[in-house]
Amino acid sequence: MNTSFDFAHAPGHLVRRTQQIAVALFMNELAAEDVTPVQFAILNAVMDTPGIDQVTLAARVAFDAATSGSVIGRLETKTWILREPDSVDRRRKLLWLTPAGKEATLLMKTAVQRVQEKLLQPLSEAEAQTLTILLSKLVAGHETVS
């Protein structure tokens, strides 16, 4: 077998390249806010669920619970998130957006929507919907792996 693997058309490679493109578009669009996609996901999830605990939040945004603590720490430094121990279980940390964090997140949502539109721009509307459905199905089918 002397033929090389067709890496350029491998789904794993294409997903990785799409992720690289999505992050580059995000970083370009939100450069002034100095925020990463994971930081935005955390801010958005805390906005949707004020008082969420840190472990549940990490699962919701599909991010490692141990590493999410340092990301949350950076958001605390920006004064966008408030982290407090649970009154019942002091080991459990509960999270809220500060007023500045809520304002920043609301402003970023518009830019994040533009990123999604730019990412899907090469596709027709029907293709974009199909891709989103298929990616959702792919993620759901492998949820236990990650």
N, C-alpha and C. Protein backbone atom coordinates (compact mmCIF):
# COMPACT_ATOMS: atom_id res chain seq x y z
N MET A 1 0.84 -1.18 0.00
CA MET A 1 0.00 0.00 0.00
C MET A 1 0.89 1.24 0.00
N ASN A 2 1.16 1.77 -1.18
CA ASN A 2 2.03 2.93 -1.32
C ASN A 2 1.27 4.25 -1.41
N THR A 3 -0.04 4.20 -1.45
CA THR A 3 -0.83 5.42 -1.58
C THR A 3 -0.98 6.06 -0.22
N SER A 4 -0.75 7.37 -0.15
CA SER A 4 -0.87 8.06 1.13
C SER A 4 -2.34 8.23 1.51
N PHE A 5 -2.57 8.48 2.76
CA PHE A 5 -3.91 8.73 3.29
C PHE A 5 -4.40 10.08 2.78
N ASP A 6 -5.64 10.17 2.36
CA ASP A 6 -6.22 11.42 1.84
C ASP A 6 -6.62 12.32 3.01
N PHE A 7 -5.61 12.86 3.64
CA PHE A 7 -5.79 13.67 4.85
C PHE A 7 -6.67 14.90 4.61
N ALA A 8 -6.53 15.52 3.45
CA ALA A 8 -7.26 16.76 3.15
C ALA A 8 -8.77 16.56 3.15
N HIS A 9 -9.22 15.32 2.96
CA HIS A 9 -10.65 15.05 2.94
C HIS A 9 -11.12 14.23 4.14
N ALA A 10 -10.25 14.05 5.12
CA ALA A 10 -10.61 13.29 6.32
C ALA A 10 -11.49 14.15 7.23
N PRO A 11 -12.61 13.62 7.70
CA PRO A 11 -13.51 14.40 8.55
C PRO A 11 -12.82 15.01 9.77
N GLY A 12 -11.95 14.26 10.42
CA GLY A 12 -11.26 14.79 11.59
C GLY A 12 -10.41 16.01 11.26
N HIS A 13 -9.71 15.93 10.15
CA HIS A 13 -8.89 17.06 9.70
C HIS A 13 -9.78 18.26 9.36
N LEU A 14 -10.88 18.02 8.67
CA LEU A 14 -11.78 19.10 8.28
C LEU A 14 -12.43 19.76 9.50
N VAL A 15 -12.77 18.96 10.51
CA VAL A 15 -13.33 19.52 11.74
C VAL A 15 -12.28 20.38 12.44
N ARG A 16 -11.04 19.90 12.50
CA ARG A 16 -9.96 20.67 13.13
C ARG A 16 -9.73 21.98 12.38
N ARG A 17 -9.70 21.93 11.06
CA ARG A 17 -9.50 23.16 10.27
C ARG A 17 -10.67 24.12 10.46
N THR A 18 -11.88 23.58 10.52
CA THR A 18 -13.05 24.43 10.76
C THR A 18 -12.95 25.10 12.13
N GLN A 19 -12.50 24.36 13.13
CA GLN A 19 -12.30 24.93 14.47
C GLN A 19 -11.26 26.04 14.42
N GLN A 20 -10.16 25.82 13.71
CA GLN A 20 -9.13 26.86 13.59
C GLN A 20 -9.71 28.12 12.93
N ILE A 21 -10.49 27.93 11.91
CA ILE A 21 -11.10 29.07 11.20
C ILE A 21 -12.09 29.78 12.12
N ALA A 22 -12.91 29.02 12.83
CA ALA A 22 -13.90 29.61 13.74
C ALA A 22 -13.21 30.43 14.84
N VAL A 23 -12.14 29.91 15.40
CA VAL A 23 -11.41 30.64 16.45
C VAL A 23 -10.77 31.90 15.87
N ALA A 24 -10.18 31.80 14.69
CA ALA A 24 -9.56 32.97 14.06
C ALA A 24 -10.60 34.06 13.79
N LEU A 25 -11.76 33.68 13.28
CA LEU A 25 -12.84 34.65 13.04
C LEU A 25 -13.29 35.28 14.36
N PHE A 26 -13.43 34.47 15.39
CA PHE A 26 -13.84 34.95 16.71
C PHE A 26 -12.81 35.95 17.26
N MET A 27 -11.56 35.57 17.22
CA MET A 27 -10.50 36.43 17.78
C MET A 27 -10.41 37.74 17.01
N ASN A 28 -10.59 37.70 15.71
CA ASN A 28 -10.56 38.90 14.90
C ASN A 28 -11.74 39.82 15.23
N GLU A 29 -12.92 39.24 15.32
CA GLU A 29 -14.14 40.01 15.56
C GLU A 29 -14.18 40.59 16.97
N LEU A 30 -13.60 39.87 17.94
CA LEU A 30 -13.68 40.30 19.33
C LEU A 30 -12.32 40.71 19.89
N ALA A 31 -11.42 41.14 19.02
CA ALA A 31 -10.06 41.52 19.46
C ALA A 31 -10.09 42.60 20.54
N ALA A 32 -10.96 43.57 20.40
CA ALA A 32 -11.01 44.69 21.35
C ALA A 32 -11.44 44.23 22.74
N GLU A 33 -12.24 43.16 22.81
CA GLU A 33 -12.73 42.68 24.11
C GLU A 33 -11.72 41.80 24.83
N ASP A 34 -10.69 41.34 24.11
CA ASP A 34 -9.66 40.47 24.69
C ASP A 34 -10.31 39.28 25.41
N VAL A 35 -11.12 38.55 24.68
CA VAL A 35 -11.83 37.40 25.24
C VAL A 35 -11.67 36.21 24.30
N THR A 36 -11.62 35.03 24.87
CA THR A 36 -11.51 33.81 24.07
C THR A 36 -12.89 33.19 23.88
N PRO A 37 -13.02 32.26 22.92
CA PRO A 37 -14.31 31.58 22.76
C PRO A 37 -14.77 30.86 24.04
N VAL A 38 -13.85 30.24 24.76
CA VAL A 38 -14.22 29.55 25.99
C VAL A 38 -14.68 30.56 27.05
N GLN A 39 -13.99 31.68 27.15
CA GLN A 39 -14.42 32.71 28.10
C GLN A 39 -15.82 33.21 27.77
N PHE A 40 -16.07 33.44 26.49
CA PHE A 40 -17.41 33.87 26.10
C PHE A 40 -18.44 32.80 26.43
N ALA A 41 -18.14 31.54 26.15
CA ALA A 41 -19.08 30.45 26.45
C ALA A 41 -19.40 30.42 27.94
N ILE A 42 -18.39 30.63 28.77
CA ILE A 42 -18.61 30.66 30.22
C ILE A 42 -19.48 31.85 30.61
N LEU A 43 -19.15 33.03 30.10
CA LEU A 43 -19.96 34.22 30.39
C LEU A 43 -21.41 34.01 29.97
N ASN A 44 -21.60 33.48 28.79
CA ASN A 44 -22.94 33.26 28.26
C ASN A 44 -23.72 32.26 29.12
N ALA A 45 -23.07 31.18 29.52
CA ALA A 45 -23.73 30.16 30.35
C ALA A 45 -24.08 30.72 31.73
N VAL A 46 -23.19 31.53 32.31
CA VAL A 46 -23.49 32.13 33.61
C VAL A 46 -24.63 33.14 33.48
N MET A 47 -24.67 33.85 32.36
CA MET A 47 -25.78 34.78 32.14
C MET A 47 -27.10 34.01 32.08
N ASP A 48 -27.09 32.85 31.42
CA ASP A 48 -28.30 32.05 31.29
C ASP A 48 -28.70 31.37 32.60
N THR A 49 -27.72 31.09 33.45
CA THR A 49 -27.97 30.35 34.70
C THR A 49 -27.23 31.00 35.86
N PRO A 50 -27.68 32.15 36.33
CA PRO A 50 -26.99 32.81 37.46
C PRO A 50 -26.95 31.89 38.67
N GLY A 51 -25.80 31.87 39.34
CA GLY A 51 -25.63 31.03 40.52
C GLY A 51 -25.25 29.60 40.20
N ILE A 52 -24.96 29.31 38.94
CA ILE A 52 -24.54 27.95 38.53
C ILE A 52 -23.23 27.60 39.24
N ASP A 53 -23.08 26.34 39.59
CA ASP A 53 -21.83 25.93 40.22
C ASP A 53 -20.78 25.65 39.14
N GLN A 54 -19.54 25.74 39.56
CA GLN A 54 -18.41 25.68 38.64
C GLN A 54 -18.33 24.34 37.90
N VAL A 55 -18.64 23.24 38.56
CA VAL A 55 -18.55 21.92 37.92
C VAL A 55 -19.65 21.75 36.87
N THR A 56 -20.87 22.15 37.21
CA THR A 56 -21.98 22.07 36.26
C THR A 56 -21.71 22.96 35.05
N LEU A 57 -21.18 24.14 35.32
CA LEU A 57 -20.84 25.07 34.24
C LEU A 57 -19.83 24.44 33.28
N ALA A 58 -18.78 23.83 33.83
CA ALA A 58 -17.76 23.21 32.98
C ALA A 58 -18.38 22.16 32.08
N ALA A 59 -19.29 21.36 32.62
CA ALA A 59 -19.96 20.33 31.80
C ALA A 59 -20.83 20.99 30.73
N ARG A 60 -21.52 22.07 31.08
CA ARG A 60 -22.41 22.72 30.14
C ARG A 60 -21.65 23.30 28.93
N VAL A 61 -20.45 23.82 29.16
CA VAL A 61 -19.68 24.40 28.05
C VAL A 61 -18.66 23.41 27.48
N ALA A 62 -18.75 22.15 27.93
CA ALA A 62 -17.88 21.08 27.45
C ALA A 62 -16.41 21.43 27.61
N PHE A 63 -16.06 21.84 28.83
CA PHE A 63 -14.68 22.22 29.12
C PHE A 63 -14.24 21.51 30.38
N ASP A 64 -12.99 21.13 30.46
CA ASP A 64 -12.43 20.45 31.61
C ASP A 64 -12.67 21.26 32.89
N ALA A 65 -13.24 20.61 33.91
CA ALA A 65 -13.59 21.30 35.16
C ALA A 65 -12.37 21.90 35.84
N ALA A 66 -11.26 21.19 35.84
CA ALA A 66 -10.05 21.70 36.50
C ALA A 66 -9.53 22.95 35.80
N THR A 67 -9.50 22.92 34.48
CA THR A 67 -8.99 24.06 33.71
C THR A 67 -9.95 25.23 33.74
N SER A 68 -11.24 24.95 33.85
CA SER A 68 -12.22 26.04 33.85
C SER A 68 -12.00 26.98 35.02
N GLY A 69 -11.46 26.49 36.11
CA GLY A 69 -11.19 27.35 37.27
C GLY A 69 -10.24 28.49 36.93
N SER A 70 -9.21 28.21 36.15
CA SER A 70 -8.27 29.28 35.78
C SER A 70 -8.90 30.25 34.80
N VAL A 71 -9.77 29.74 33.91
CA VAL A 71 -10.47 30.63 32.97
C VAL A 71 -11.41 31.54 33.75
N ILE A 72 -12.13 30.98 34.70
CA ILE A 72 -13.02 31.77 35.54
C ILE A 72 -12.21 32.80 36.34
N GLY A 73 -11.03 32.41 36.79
CA GLY A 73 -10.16 33.35 37.51
C GLY A 73 -9.80 34.55 36.65
N ARG A 74 -9.53 34.33 35.37
CA ARG A 74 -9.22 35.45 34.48
C ARG A 74 -10.44 36.36 34.30
N LEU A 75 -11.63 35.75 34.26
CA LEU A 75 -12.85 36.54 34.14
C LEU A 75 -13.14 37.32 35.43
N GLU A 76 -12.74 36.74 36.56
CA GLU A 76 -12.84 37.47 37.83
C GLU A 76 -11.90 38.68 37.83
N THR A 77 -10.70 38.49 37.32
CA THR A 77 -9.73 39.58 37.24
C THR A 77 -10.26 40.74 36.39
N LYS A 78 -11.02 40.40 35.36
CA LYS A 78 -11.63 41.43 34.51
C LYS A 78 -12.86 42.05 35.18
N THR A 79 -13.21 41.55 36.35
CA THR A 79 -14.40 41.95 37.12
C THR A 79 -15.70 41.67 36.36
N TRP A 80 -15.73 40.57 35.60
CA TRP A 80 -16.91 40.18 34.85
C TRP A 80 -17.69 39.07 35.56
N ILE A 81 -17.01 38.31 36.42
CA ILE A 81 -17.64 37.20 37.13
C ILE A 81 -17.35 37.31 38.61
N LEU A 82 -18.35 36.94 39.39
CA LEU A 82 -18.21 36.86 40.84
C LEU A 82 -18.32 35.39 41.22
N ARG A 83 -17.32 34.89 41.95
CA ARG A 83 -17.30 33.49 42.38
C ARG A 83 -17.37 33.46 43.90
N GLU A 84 -18.36 32.74 44.41
CA GLU A 84 -18.54 32.66 45.86
C GLU A 84 -18.76 31.22 46.28
N PRO A 85 -18.31 30.87 47.49
CA PRO A 85 -18.59 29.52 47.98
C PRO A 85 -20.08 29.35 48.29
N ASP A 86 -20.59 28.16 48.03
CA ASP A 86 -21.97 27.82 48.36
C ASP A 86 -22.10 27.82 49.89
N SER A 87 -23.18 28.37 50.41
CA SER A 87 -23.37 28.45 51.86
C SER A 87 -23.59 27.06 52.48
N VAL A 88 -24.09 26.10 51.69
CA VAL A 88 -24.33 24.75 52.19
C VAL A 88 -23.07 23.89 52.08
N ASP A 89 -22.37 23.99 50.97
CA ASP A 89 -21.15 23.21 50.71
C ASP A 89 -20.07 24.18 50.27
N ARG A 90 -19.20 24.59 51.18
CA ARG A 90 -18.20 25.62 50.92
C ARG A 90 -17.20 25.21 49.83
N ARG A 91 -17.09 23.91 49.53
CA ARG A 91 -16.19 23.47 48.46
C ARG A 91 -16.75 23.81 47.10
N ARG A 92 -18.06 23.93 47.01
CA ARG A 92 -18.76 24.22 45.76
C ARG A 92 -18.73 25.73 45.50
N LYS A 93 -18.30 26.12 44.31
CA LYS A 93 -18.22 27.55 43.96
C LYS A 93 -19.38 27.91 43.04
N LEU A 94 -20.10 28.98 43.39
CA LEU A 94 -21.23 29.47 42.61
C LEU A 94 -20.81 30.73 41.87
N LEU A 95 -21.38 30.91 40.68
CA LEU A 95 -20.93 31.98 39.79
C LEU A 95 -22.08 32.90 39.39
N TRP A 96 -21.76 34.18 39.33
CA TRP A 96 -22.69 35.20 38.84
C TRP A 96 -21.93 36.18 37.98
N LEU A 97 -22.63 36.78 37.03
CA LEU A 97 -22.04 37.88 36.28
C LEU A 97 -22.16 39.14 37.12
N THR A 98 -21.14 39.95 37.06
CA THR A 98 -21.22 41.28 37.66
C THR A 98 -21.99 42.16 36.67
N PRO A 99 -22.43 43.34 37.08
CA PRO A 99 -23.07 44.24 36.10
C PRO A 99 -22.17 44.50 34.89
N ALA A 100 -20.88 44.68 35.12
CA ALA A 100 -19.94 44.89 34.00
C ALA A 100 -19.86 43.65 33.12
N GLY A 101 -19.89 42.46 33.74
CA GLY A 101 -19.85 41.21 32.99
C GLY A 101 -21.09 41.01 32.15
N LYS A 102 -22.23 41.37 32.70
CA LYS A 102 -23.48 41.25 31.94
C LYS A 102 -23.47 42.19 30.75
N GLU A 103 -23.03 43.42 30.98
CA GLU A 103 -22.96 44.40 29.88
C GLU A 103 -22.00 43.93 28.79
N ALA A 104 -20.83 43.45 29.19
CA ALA A 104 -19.83 42.98 28.23
C ALA A 104 -20.37 41.79 27.43
N THR A 105 -21.03 40.86 28.11
CA THR A 105 -21.56 39.66 27.45
C THR A 105 -22.64 40.04 26.44
N LEU A 106 -23.53 40.92 26.83
CA LEU A 106 -24.59 41.36 25.91
C LEU A 106 -23.99 42.03 24.67
N LEU A 107 -22.96 42.84 24.86
CA LEU A 107 -22.32 43.50 23.72
C LEU A 107 -21.61 42.48 22.82
N MET A 108 -21.00 41.47 23.44
CA MET A 108 -20.28 40.46 22.67
C MET A 108 -21.20 39.55 21.88
N LYS A 109 -22.43 39.33 22.36
CA LYS A 109 -23.35 38.42 21.68
C LYS A 109 -23.57 38.81 20.22
N THR A 110 -23.67 40.08 19.95
CA THR A 110 -23.86 40.55 18.57
C THR A 110 -22.65 40.20 17.72
N ALA A 111 -21.46 40.42 18.27
CA ALA A 111 -20.23 40.09 17.54
C ALA A 111 -20.10 38.58 17.33
N VAL A 112 -20.48 37.80 18.31
CA VAL A 112 -20.41 36.34 18.19
C VAL A 112 -21.38 35.86 17.12
N GLN A 113 -22.54 36.48 17.02
CA GLN A 113 -23.49 36.13 15.95
C GLN A 113 -22.88 36.43 14.58
N ARG A 114 -22.17 37.56 14.48
CA ARG A 114 -21.50 37.88 13.21
C ARG A 114 -20.46 36.82 12.87
N VAL A 115 -19.76 36.32 13.87
CA VAL A 115 -18.76 35.26 13.64
C VAL A 115 -19.44 34.04 13.05
N GLN A 116 -20.58 33.65 13.61
CA GLN A 116 -21.29 32.48 13.11
C GLN A 116 -21.69 32.68 11.65
N GLU A 117 -22.17 33.87 11.35
CA GLU A 117 -22.58 34.17 9.97
C GLU A 117 -21.38 34.15 9.02
N LYS A 118 -20.25 34.71 9.45
CA LYS A 118 -19.05 34.70 8.61
C LYS A 118 -18.55 33.28 8.39
N LEU A 119 -18.61 32.46 9.43
CA LEU A 119 -18.16 31.08 9.31
C LEU A 119 -18.97 30.32 8.26
N LEU A 120 -20.26 30.56 8.25
CA LEU A 120 -21.16 29.83 7.33
C LEU A 120 -21.34 30.52 5.98
N GLN A 121 -20.71 31.66 5.81
CA GLN A 121 -20.88 32.47 4.59
C GLN A 121 -20.65 31.71 3.29
N PRO A 122 -19.68 30.79 3.20
CA PRO A 122 -19.49 30.08 1.94
C PRO A 122 -20.64 29.12 1.58
N LEU A 123 -21.55 28.89 2.50
CA LEU A 123 -22.63 27.93 2.28
C LEU A 123 -23.95 28.65 1.97
N SER A 124 -24.82 27.95 1.27
CA SER A 124 -26.18 28.46 1.10
C SER A 124 -26.90 28.34 2.45
N GLU A 125 -28.05 28.96 2.57
CA GLU A 125 -28.80 28.88 3.82
C GLU A 125 -29.17 27.43 4.14
N ALA A 126 -29.60 26.70 3.13
CA ALA A 126 -29.97 25.29 3.32
C ALA A 126 -28.74 24.46 3.74
N GLU A 127 -27.61 24.71 3.10
CA GLU A 127 -26.38 23.99 3.45
C GLU A 127 -25.96 24.31 4.88
N ALA A 128 -26.07 25.58 5.27
CA ALA A 128 -25.70 26.00 6.63
C ALA A 128 -26.58 25.29 7.65
N GLN A 129 -27.88 25.20 7.37
CA GLN A 129 -28.80 24.51 8.29
C GLN A 129 -28.46 23.02 8.36
N THR A 130 -28.18 22.43 7.22
CA THR A 130 -27.83 21.01 7.19
C THR A 130 -26.53 20.76 7.95
N LEU A 131 -25.54 21.59 7.74
CA LEU A 131 -24.26 21.44 8.45
C LEU A 131 -24.48 21.53 9.96
N THR A 132 -25.25 22.50 10.39
CA THR A 132 -25.51 22.67 11.82
C THR A 132 -26.22 21.46 12.40
N ILE A 133 -27.19 20.94 11.68
CA ILE A 133 -27.91 19.73 12.13
C ILE A 133 -26.95 18.55 12.22
N LEU A 134 -26.13 18.38 11.19
CA LEU A 134 -25.20 17.24 11.17
C LEU A 134 -24.13 17.37 12.25
N LEU A 135 -23.60 18.57 12.46
CA LEU A 135 -22.61 18.75 13.52
C LEU A 135 -23.22 18.49 14.90
N SER A 136 -24.45 18.95 15.10
CA SER A 136 -25.15 18.69 16.37
C SER A 136 -25.33 17.19 16.59
N LYS A 137 -25.70 16.49 15.53
CA LYS A 137 -25.87 15.03 15.61
C LYS A 137 -24.54 14.34 15.90
N LEU A 138 -23.48 14.79 15.25
CA LEU A 138 -22.15 14.22 15.46
C LEU A 138 -21.69 14.42 16.90
N VAL A 139 -21.86 15.62 17.42
CA VAL A 139 -21.47 15.91 18.80
C VAL A 139 -22.30 15.06 19.77
N ALA A 140 -23.61 15.04 19.57
CA ALA A 140 -24.49 14.26 20.46
C ALA A 140 -24.13 12.78 20.44
N GLY A 141 -23.75 12.28 19.28
CA GLY A 141 -23.40 10.87 19.16
C GLY A 141 -22.09 10.49 19.82
N HIS A 142 -21.27 11.50 20.11
CA HIS A 142 -19.97 11.25 20.75
C HIS A 142 -19.87 11.91 22.11
N GLU A 143 -20.97 12.36 22.66
CA GLU A 143 -20.96 13.13 23.91
C GLU A 143 -20.25 12.39 25.05
N THR A 144 -20.39 11.09 25.12
CA THR A 144 -19.75 10.33 26.20
C THR A 144 -18.24 10.23 26.04
N VAL A 145 -17.74 10.43 24.82
CA VAL A 145 -16.30 10.34 24.56
C VAL A 145 -15.56 11.51 25.18
N SER A 146 -16.15 12.72 25.07
CA SER A 146 -15.46 13.90 25.57
C SER A 146 -15.85 14.18 26.99
